[in-house]
Amino acid sequence: MSRRGNCWDNAPNERFFRSFKTEWMPKRGYENIAEASSAISDYIWGYYQTVRPHSFNNYLPPAEKERRYFNQSLLSGVLN
């Protein structure tokens, strides 16, 4: 996941998987691949992107931070 000699490239991926494992994944794993696939999609699109606050985003979920950013960009484009 990272460029050779740059250990920091992989940090966001490791952080995401740590959150997934501690917040969502059952301790005993999943019964089958279909259950795992559904749960992972639910976590990413239903929780991680839309509900879970991120400290880097001033405790806003990524979808909300992105919405505000684009609304601000549109507003500044109209005003300038």
PDB file of N, CA and C in Angstrom:
ATOM      1  N   MET A   1       0.800  -1.192   0.000  1.00  0.00           N
ATOM      2  CA  MET A   1       0.000   0.000   0.000  1.00  0.00           C
ATOM      3  C   MET A   1       0.848   1.263   0.000  1.00  0.00           C
ATOM      4  N   SER A   2       2.132   1.167   0.231  1.00  0.00           N
ATOM      5  CA  SER A   2       2.926   2.387   0.319  1.00  0.00           C
ATOM      6  C   SER A   2       4.079   2.369  -0.672  1.00  0.00           C
ATOM      7  N   ARG A   3       4.601   3.569  -0.911  1.00  0.00           N
ATOM      8  CA  ARG A   3       5.776   3.682  -1.766  1.00  0.00           C
ATOM      9  C   ARG A   3       6.981   3.150  -1.009  1.00  0.00           C
ATOM     10  N   ARG A   4       7.924   2.674  -1.727  1.00  0.00           N
ATOM     11  CA  ARG A   4       9.130   2.138  -1.118  1.00  0.00           C
ATOM     12  C   ARG A   4       9.840   3.228  -0.322  1.00  0.00           C
ATOM     13  N   GLY A   5      10.153   2.932   0.917  1.00  0.00           N
ATOM     14  CA  GLY A   5      10.876   3.855   1.770  1.00  0.00           C
ATOM     15  C   GLY A   5      10.023   4.934   2.412  1.00  0.00           C
ATOM     16  N   ASN A   6       8.702   4.879   2.223  1.00  0.00           N
ATOM     17  CA  ASN A   6       7.828   5.884   2.819  1.00  0.00           C
ATOM     18  C   ASN A   6       6.752   5.185   3.649  1.00  0.00           C
ATOM     19  N   CYS A   7       7.045   4.997   4.911  1.00  0.00           N
ATOM     20  CA  CYS A   7       6.136   4.249   5.785  1.00  0.00           C
ATOM     21  C   CYS A   7       4.842   4.994   6.067  1.00  0.00           C
ATOM     22  N   TRP A   8       4.815   6.304   5.871  1.00  0.00           N
ATOM     23  CA  TRP A   8       3.618   7.089   6.182  1.00  0.00           C
ATOM     24  C   TRP A   8       2.501   6.908   5.163  1.00  0.00           C
ATOM     25  N   ASP A   9       2.793   6.381   3.996  1.00  0.00           N
ATOM     26  CA  ASP A   9       1.760   6.162   2.985  1.00  0.00           C
ATOM     27  C   ASP A   9       0.657   5.228   3.472  1.00  0.00           C
ATOM     28  N   ASN A  10       1.006   4.277   4.273  1.00  0.00           N
ATOM     29  CA  ASN A  10       0.067   3.241   4.685  1.00  0.00           C
ATOM     30  C   ASN A  10      -0.727   3.614   5.936  1.00  0.00           C
ATOM     31  N   ALA A  11      -0.378   4.681   6.608  1.00  0.00           N
ATOM     32  CA  ALA A  11      -1.017   5.047   7.876  1.00  0.00           C
ATOM     33  C   ALA A  11      -2.535   5.216   7.755  1.00  0.00           C
ATOM     34  N   PRO A  12      -3.070   5.921   6.743  1.00  0.00           N
ATOM     35  CA  PRO A  12      -4.538   6.050   6.660  1.00  0.00           C
ATOM     36  C   PRO A  12      -5.245   4.703   6.495  1.00  0.00           C
ATOM     37  N   ASN A  13      -4.644   3.799   5.730  1.00  0.00           N
ATOM     38  CA  ASN A  13      -5.253   2.472   5.554  1.00  0.00           C
ATOM     39  C   ASN A  13      -5.258   1.694   6.855  1.00  0.00           C
ATOM     40  N   GLU A  14      -4.155   1.741   7.574  1.00  0.00           N
ATOM     41  CA  GLU A  14      -4.078   1.035   8.852  1.00  0.00           C
ATOM     42  C   GLU A  14      -5.095   1.593   9.841  1.00  0.00           C
ATOM     43  N   ARG A  15      -5.266   2.890   9.848  1.00  0.00           N
ATOM     44  CA  ARG A  15      -6.217   3.534  10.751  1.00  0.00           C
ATOM     45  C   ARG A  15      -7.643   3.121  10.418  1.00  0.00           C
ATOM     46  N   PHE A  16      -7.966   3.094   9.130  1.00  0.00           N
ATOM     47  CA  PHE A  16      -9.305   2.673   8.719  1.00  0.00           C
ATOM     48  C   PHE A  16      -9.578   1.243   9.164  1.00  0.00           C
ATOM     49  N   PHE A  17      -8.639   0.322   8.908  1.00  0.00           N
ATOM     50  CA  PHE A  17      -8.873  -1.080   9.249  1.00  0.00           C
ATOM     51  C   PHE A  17      -8.935  -1.291  10.755  1.00  0.00           C
ATOM     52  N   ARG A  18      -8.179  -0.504  11.522  1.00  0.00           N
ATOM     53  CA  ARG A  18      -8.277  -0.599  12.985  1.00  0.00           C
ATOM     54  C   ARG A  18      -9.685  -0.187  13.423  1.00  0.00           C
ATOM     55  N   SER A  19     -10.187   0.912  12.860  1.00  0.00           N
ATOM     56  CA  SER A  19     -11.538   1.354  13.207  1.00  0.00           C
ATOM     57  C   SER A  19     -12.569   0.296  12.827  1.00  0.00           C
ATOM     58  N   PHE A  20     -12.445  -0.243  11.636  1.00  0.00           N
ATOM     59  CA  PHE A  20     -13.388  -1.275  11.187  1.00  0.00           C
ATOM     60  C   PHE A  20     -13.375  -2.474  12.130  1.00  0.00           C
ATOM     61  N   LYS A  21     -12.200  -2.942  12.474  1.00  0.00           N
ATOM     62  CA  LYS A  21     -12.098  -4.139  13.320  1.00  0.00           C
ATOM     63  C   LYS A  21     -12.637  -3.900  14.725  1.00  0.00           C
ATOM     64  N   THR A  22     -12.407  -2.713  15.281  1.00  0.00           N
ATOM     65  CA  THR A  22     -12.844  -2.464  16.659  1.00  0.00           C
ATOM     66  C   THR A  22     -14.281  -1.966  16.757  1.00  0.00           C
ATOM     67  N   GLU A  23     -14.796  -1.321  15.718  1.00  0.00           N
ATOM     68  CA  GLU A  23     -16.127  -0.739  15.796  1.00  0.00           C
ATOM     69  C   GLU A  23     -17.220  -1.587  15.157  1.00  0.00           C
ATOM     70  N   TRP A  24     -16.882  -2.444  14.223  1.00  0.00           N
ATOM     71  CA  TRP A  24     -17.924  -3.063  13.402  1.00  0.00           C
ATOM     72  C   TRP A  24     -17.798  -4.576  13.279  1.00  0.00           C
ATOM     73  N   MET A  25     -16.624  -5.067  13.064  1.00  0.00           N
ATOM     74  CA  MET A  25     -16.422  -6.489  12.769  1.00  0.00           C
ATOM     75  C   MET A  25     -16.711  -7.355  13.998  1.00  0.00           C
ATOM     76  N   PRO A  26     -17.512  -8.407  13.819  1.00  0.00           N
ATOM     77  CA  PRO A  26     -17.778  -9.306  14.951  1.00  0.00           C
ATOM     78  C   PRO A  26     -16.496 -10.013  15.414  1.00  0.00           C
ATOM     79  N   LYS A  27     -16.421 -10.252  16.685  1.00  0.00           N
ATOM     80  CA  LYS A  27     -15.226 -10.885  17.266  1.00  0.00           C
ATOM     81  C   LYS A  27     -14.917 -12.243  16.632  1.00  0.00           C
ATOM     82  N   ARG A  28     -15.937 -12.966  16.237  1.00  0.00           N
ATOM     83  CA  ARG A  28     -15.737 -14.306  15.664  1.00  0.00           C
ATOM     84  C   ARG A  28     -15.727 -14.311  14.135  1.00  0.00           C
ATOM     85  N   GLY A  29     -15.753 -13.129  13.521  1.00  0.00           N
ATOM     86  CA  GLY A  29     -15.726 -13.066  12.064  1.00  0.00           C
ATOM     87  C   GLY A  29     -17.120 -13.213  11.471  1.00  0.00           C
ATOM     88  N   TYR A  30     -17.156 -13.468  10.188  1.00  0.00           N
ATOM     89  CA  TYR A  30     -18.413 -13.591   9.453  1.00  0.00           C
ATOM     90  C   TYR A  30     -18.654 -15.035   9.058  1.00  0.00           C
ATOM     91  N   GLU A  31     -19.914 -15.362   8.846  1.00  0.00           N
ATOM     92  CA  GLU A  31     -20.297 -16.727   8.476  1.00  0.00           C
ATOM     93  C   GLU A  31     -19.882 -17.065   7.046  1.00  0.00           C
ATOM     94  N   ASN A  32     -19.989 -16.083   6.128  1.00  0.00           N
ATOM     95  CA  ASN A  32     -19.660 -16.340   4.732  1.00  0.00           C
ATOM     96  C   ASN A  32     -19.258 -15.031   4.050  1.00  0.00           C
ATOM     97  N   ILE A  33     -18.839 -15.131   2.805  1.00  0.00           N
ATOM     98  CA  ILE A  33     -18.346 -13.968   2.080  1.00  0.00           C
ATOM     99  C   ILE A  33     -19.466 -12.963   1.790  1.00  0.00           C
ATOM    100  N   ALA A  34     -20.679 -13.436   1.568  1.00  0.00           N
ATOM    101  CA  ALA A  34     -21.803 -12.533   1.305  1.00  0.00           C
ATOM    102  C   ALA A  34     -22.108 -11.677   2.536  1.00  0.00           C
ATOM    103  N   GLU A  35     -22.092 -12.283   3.703  1.00  0.00           N
ATOM    104  CA  GLU A  35     -22.318 -11.543   4.945  1.00  0.00           C
ATOM    105  C   GLU A  35     -21.201 -10.521   5.166  1.00  0.00           C
ATOM    106  N   ALA A  36     -19.974 -10.925   4.927  1.00  0.00           N
ATOM    107  CA  ALA A  36     -18.832 -10.018   5.087  1.00  0.00           C
ATOM    108  C   ALA A  36     -18.924  -8.848   4.120  1.00  0.00           C
ATOM    109  N   SER A  37     -19.237  -9.128   2.873  1.00  0.00           N
ATOM    110  CA  SER A  37     -19.345  -8.081   1.860  1.00  0.00           C
ATOM    111  C   SER A  37     -20.434  -7.072   2.219  1.00  0.00           C
ATOM    112  N   SER A  38     -21.572  -7.566   2.654  1.00  0.00           N
ATOM    113  CA  SER A  38     -22.677  -6.697   3.042  1.00  0.00           C
ATOM    114  C   SER A  38     -22.305  -5.845   4.255  1.00  0.00           C
ATOM    115  N   ALA A  39     -21.677  -6.436   5.243  1.00  0.00           N
ATOM    116  CA  ALA A  39     -21.302  -5.716   6.455  1.00  0.00           C
ATOM    117  C   ALA A  39     -20.250  -4.646   6.163  1.00  0.00           C
ATOM    118  N   ILE A  40     -19.307  -4.971   5.300  1.00  0.00           N
ATOM    119  CA  ILE A  40     -18.264  -3.999   4.957  1.00  0.00           C
ATOM    120  C   ILE A  40     -18.866  -2.815   4.220  1.00  0.00           C
ATOM    121  N   SER A  41     -19.754  -3.064   3.284  1.00  0.00           N
ATOM    122  CA  SER A  41     -20.434  -1.976   2.581  1.00  0.00           C
ATOM    123  C   SER A  41     -21.252  -1.129   3.540  1.00  0.00           C
ATOM    124  N   ASP A  42     -21.959  -1.772   4.451  1.00  0.00           N
ATOM    125  CA  ASP A  42     -22.747  -1.040   5.441  1.00  0.00           C
ATOM    126  C   ASP A  42     -21.854  -0.158   6.297  1.00  0.00           C
ATOM    127  N   TYR A  43     -20.701  -0.678   6.680  1.00  0.00           N
ATOM    128  CA  TYR A  43     -19.785   0.101   7.511  1.00  0.00           C
ATOM    129  C   TYR A  43     -19.253   1.313   6.754  1.00  0.00           C
ATOM    130  N   ILE A  44     -18.754   1.093   5.542  1.00  0.00           N
ATOM    131  CA  ILE A  44     -18.137   2.189   4.784  1.00  0.00           C
ATOM    132  C   ILE A  44     -19.162   3.241   4.404  1.00  0.00           C
ATOM    133  N   TRP A  45     -20.241   2.844   3.744  1.00  0.00           N
ATOM    134  CA  TRP A  45     -21.202   3.809   3.199  1.00  0.00           C
ATOM    135  C   TRP A  45     -22.294   4.207   4.179  1.00  0.00           C
ATOM    136  N   GLY A  46     -22.629   3.324   5.089  1.00  0.00           N
ATOM    137  CA  GLY A  46     -23.713   3.628   6.015  1.00  0.00           C
ATOM    138  C   GLY A  46     -23.273   4.223   7.332  1.00  0.00           C
ATOM    139  N   TYR A  47     -22.040   3.985   7.734  1.00  0.00           N
ATOM    140  CA  TYR A  47     -21.578   4.477   9.030  1.00  0.00           C
ATOM    141  C   TYR A  47     -20.335   5.349   8.909  1.00  0.00           C
ATOM    142  N   TYR A  48     -19.261   4.816   8.369  1.00  0.00           N
ATOM    143  CA  TYR A  48     -17.971   5.516   8.344  1.00  0.00           C
ATOM    144  C   TYR A  48     -18.045   6.830   7.581  1.00  0.00           C
ATOM    145  N   GLN A  49     -18.729   6.850   6.449  1.00  0.00           N
ATOM    146  CA  GLN A  49     -18.799   8.058   5.624  1.00  0.00           C
ATOM    147  C   GLN A  49     -19.878   9.045   6.080  1.00  0.00           C
ATOM    148  N   THR A  50     -20.959   8.551   6.659  1.00  0.00           N
ATOM    149  CA  THR A  50     -22.105   9.424   6.915  1.00  0.00           C
ATOM    150  C   THR A  50     -22.400   9.702   8.383  1.00  0.00           C
ATOM    151  N   VAL A  51     -21.902   8.878   9.295  1.00  0.00           N
ATOM    152  CA  VAL A  51     -22.247   9.037  10.706  1.00  0.00           C
ATOM    153  C   VAL A  51     -21.014   9.265  11.582  1.00  0.00           C
ATOM    154  N   ARG A  52     -19.982   8.457  11.390  1.00  0.00           N
ATOM    155  CA  ARG A  52     -18.827   8.460  12.289  1.00  0.00           C
ATOM    156  C   ARG A  52     -18.063   9.781  12.238  1.00  0.00           C
ATOM    157  N   PRO A  53     -17.911  10.466  13.381  1.00  0.00           N
ATOM    158  CA  PRO A  53     -17.141  11.707  13.385  1.00  0.00           C
ATOM    159  C   PRO A  53     -15.643  11.422  13.258  1.00  0.00           C
ATOM    160  N   HIS A  54     -14.951  12.299  12.557  1.00  0.00           N
ATOM    161  CA  HIS A  54     -13.507  12.176  12.362  1.00  0.00           C
ATOM    162  C   HIS A  54     -12.831  13.405  12.958  1.00  0.00           C
ATOM    163  N   SER A  55     -11.875  13.205  13.829  1.00  0.00           N
ATOM    164  CA  SER A  55     -11.217  14.332  14.476  1.00  0.00           C
ATOM    165  C   SER A  55     -10.532  15.243  13.462  1.00  0.00           C
ATOM    166  N   PHE A  56      -9.996  14.691  12.396  1.00  0.00           N
ATOM    167  CA  PHE A  56      -9.335  15.491  11.362  1.00  0.00           C
ATOM    168  C   PHE A  56     -10.311  16.456  10.691  1.00  0.00           C
ATOM    169  N   ASN A  57     -11.577  16.095  10.655  1.00  0.00           N
ATOM    170  CA  ASN A  57     -12.618  16.913  10.022  1.00  0.00           C
ATOM    171  C   ASN A  57     -13.391  17.746  11.044  1.00  0.00           C
ATOM    172  N   ASN A  58     -12.750  18.115  12.147  1.00  0.00           N
ATOM    173  CA  ASN A  58     -13.441  18.841  13.224  1.00  0.00           C
ATOM    174  C   ASN A  58     -14.663  18.069  13.716  1.00  0.00           C
ATOM    175  N   TYR A  59     -14.513  16.766  13.805  1.00  0.00           N
ATOM    176  CA  TYR A  59     -15.533  15.848  14.310  1.00  0.00           C
ATOM    177  C   TYR A  59     -16.798  15.804  13.460  1.00  0.00           C
ATOM    178  N   LEU A  60     -16.634  16.015  12.175  1.00  0.00           N
ATOM    179  CA  LEU A  60     -17.720  15.828  11.216  1.00  0.00           C
ATOM    180  C   LEU A  60     -17.465  14.547  10.439  1.00  0.00           C
ATOM    181  N   PRO A  61     -18.530  13.858   9.992  1.00  0.00           N
ATOM    182  CA  PRO A  61     -18.336  12.705   9.106  1.00  0.00           C
ATOM    183  C   PRO A  61     -17.795  13.185   7.753  1.00  0.00           C
ATOM    184  N   PRO A  62     -17.067  12.337   7.037  1.00  0.00           N
ATOM    185  CA  PRO A  62     -16.507  12.740   5.742  1.00  0.00           C
ATOM    186  C   PRO A  62     -17.544  13.277   4.759  1.00  0.00           C
ATOM    187  N   ALA A  63     -18.711  12.677   4.684  1.00  0.00           N
ATOM    188  CA  ALA A  63     -19.727  13.135   3.730  1.00  0.00           C
ATOM    189  C   ALA A  63     -20.182  14.558   4.059  1.00  0.00           C
ATOM    190  N   GLU A  64     -20.340  14.865   5.328  1.00  0.00           N
ATOM    191  CA  GLU A  64     -20.756  16.203   5.733  1.00  0.00           C
ATOM    192  C   GLU A  64     -19.652  17.226   5.479  1.00  0.00           C
ATOM    193  N   LYS A  65     -18.433  16.863   5.788  1.00  0.00           N
ATOM    194  CA  LYS A  65     -17.298  17.763   5.530  1.00  0.00           C
ATOM    195  C   LYS A  65     -17.184  18.054   4.036  1.00  0.00           C
ATOM    196  N   GLU A  66     -17.332  17.040   3.210  1.00  0.00           N
ATOM    197  CA  GLU A  66     -17.273  17.219   1.761  1.00  0.00           C
ATOM    198  C   GLU A  66     -18.421  18.093   1.262  1.00  0.00           C
ATOM    199  N   ARG A  67     -19.613  17.877   1.781  1.00  0.00           N
ATOM    200  CA  ARG A  67     -20.762  18.687   1.396  1.00  0.00           C
ATOM    201  C   ARG A  67     -20.522  20.157   1.725  1.00  0.00           C
ATOM    202  N   ARG A  68     -20.028  20.432   2.919  1.00  0.00           N
ATOM    203  CA  ARG A  68     -19.748  21.813   3.310  1.00  0.00           C
ATOM    204  C   ARG A  68     -18.652  22.429   2.455  1.00  0.00           C
ATOM    205  N   TYR A  69     -17.639  21.652   2.156  1.00  0.00           N
ATOM    206  CA  TYR A  69     -16.547  22.159   1.321  1.00  0.00           C
ATOM    207  C   TYR A  69     -17.058  22.570  -0.066  1.00  0.00           C
ATOM    208  N   PHE A  70     -17.832  21.696  -0.692  1.00  0.00           N
ATOM    209  CA  PHE A  70     -18.327  22.010  -2.034  1.00  0.00           C
ATOM    210  C   PHE A  70     -19.352  23.137  -2.019  1.00  0.00           C
ATOM    211  N   ASN A  71     -20.176  23.213  -0.987  1.00  0.00           N
ATOM    212  CA  ASN A  71     -21.111  24.333  -0.875  1.00  0.00           C
ATOM    213  C   ASN A  71     -20.357  25.650  -0.727  1.00  0.00           C
ATOM    214  N   GLN A  72     -19.303  25.649   0.060  1.00  0.00           N
ATOM    215  CA  GLN A  72     -18.480  26.848   0.244  1.00  0.00           C
ATOM    216  C   GLN A  72     -17.777  27.217  -1.064  1.00  0.00           C
ATOM    217  N   SER A  73     -17.281  26.217  -1.782  1.00  0.00           N
ATOM    218  CA  SER A  73     -16.614  26.461  -3.062  1.00  0.00           C
ATOM    219  C   SER A  73     -17.588  27.056  -4.068  1.00  0.00           C
ATOM    220  N   LEU A  74     -18.793  26.517  -4.122  1.00  0.00           N
ATOM    221  CA  LEU A  74     -19.808  27.055  -5.038  1.00  0.00           C
ATOM    222  C   LEU A  74     -20.172  28.487  -4.667  1.00  0.00           C
ATOM    223  N   LEU A  75     -20.321  28.728  -3.385  1.00  0.00           N
ATOM    224  CA  LEU A  75     -20.684  30.061  -2.917  1.00  0.00           C
ATOM    225  C   LEU A  75     -19.590  31.075  -3.250  1.00  0.00           C
ATOM    226  N   SER A  76     -18.350  30.703  -3.004  1.00  0.00           N
ATOM    227  CA  SER A  76     -17.258  31.633  -3.298  1.00  0.00           C
ATOM    228  C   SER A  76     -17.114  31.854  -4.805  1.00  0.00           C
ATOM    229  N   GLY A  77     -17.438  30.841  -5.617  1.00  0.00           N
ATOM    230  CA  GLY A  77     -17.397  30.993  -7.066  1.00  0.00           C
ATOM    231  C   GLY A  77     -18.464  31.945  -7.563  1.00  0.00           C
ATOM    232  N   VAL A  78     -19.613  31.943  -6.921  1.00  0.00           N
ATOM    233  CA  VAL A  78     -20.707  32.825  -7.306  1.00  0.00           C
ATOM    234  C   VAL A  78     -20.415  34.268  -6.856  1.00  0.00           C
ATOM    235  N   LEU A  79     -19.839  34.407  -5.679  1.00  0.00           N
ATOM    236  CA  LEU A  79     -19.570  35.735  -5.133  1.00  0.00           C
ATOM    237  C   LEU A  79     -18.358  36.405  -5.774  1.00  0.00           C
ATOM    238  N   ASN A  80     -17.477  35.649  -6.343  1.00  0.00           N
ATOM    239  CA  ASN A  80     -16.259  36.234  -6.943  1.00  0.00           C
ATOM    240  C   ASN A  80     -16.368  36.408  -8.402  1.00  0.00           C
TER     241      ASN A  80
END
